[in-house]
Amino acid sequence: MKLLTLNFLTCARKTCKSNAAAFPLHPKEAELEQVETDMNPLFIKNILPRLDWEAMKTLTTELGLPNLPAETPSDEELATDGEPSQTAKDLHTLLMETSIQSGKLVCGNCEHEYAVKEGIANFLLPSHMV
């Protein structure tokens, strides 16, 4: 599960849908994997406005990854002379190449744990929690 994906997920319980603590899900006992992919600067540029930057900063801190800048990088910070900047390359590595291979995702509201195995999170809830 790519780190980018975590920025779009929240707890599956109905009681958590309206609670701000249910986002982002917090990684626990996470085993990370990095798989190299081709750089797509346009994708990075276009996805940044859609990200919850504070949630991304929280995730990187919890995973022990390098800290992100305080503010979302501007378009000028992502390219130098038509080439991707180091900031863009670092964001590509973080968002597109870094994945959680195994571990758990924990809701900050209800503390339910979603298992991640082989890079896939299981969001099925037991019947008593639906």
Foldseek 3Di string as FASTA:
>chain_A
DFPLVLQVDFAPFPVCPPPPQRPRFEFDPFDKFFDDDDQDLVVLQVCQVVGPVVSSQVRCVRVVHDGDDPDRDHPVQQDDPNHGDVNSVVVCRRGPGMAGAWGWTARRPPRDTWTHHRRDTDNDDDPVRD
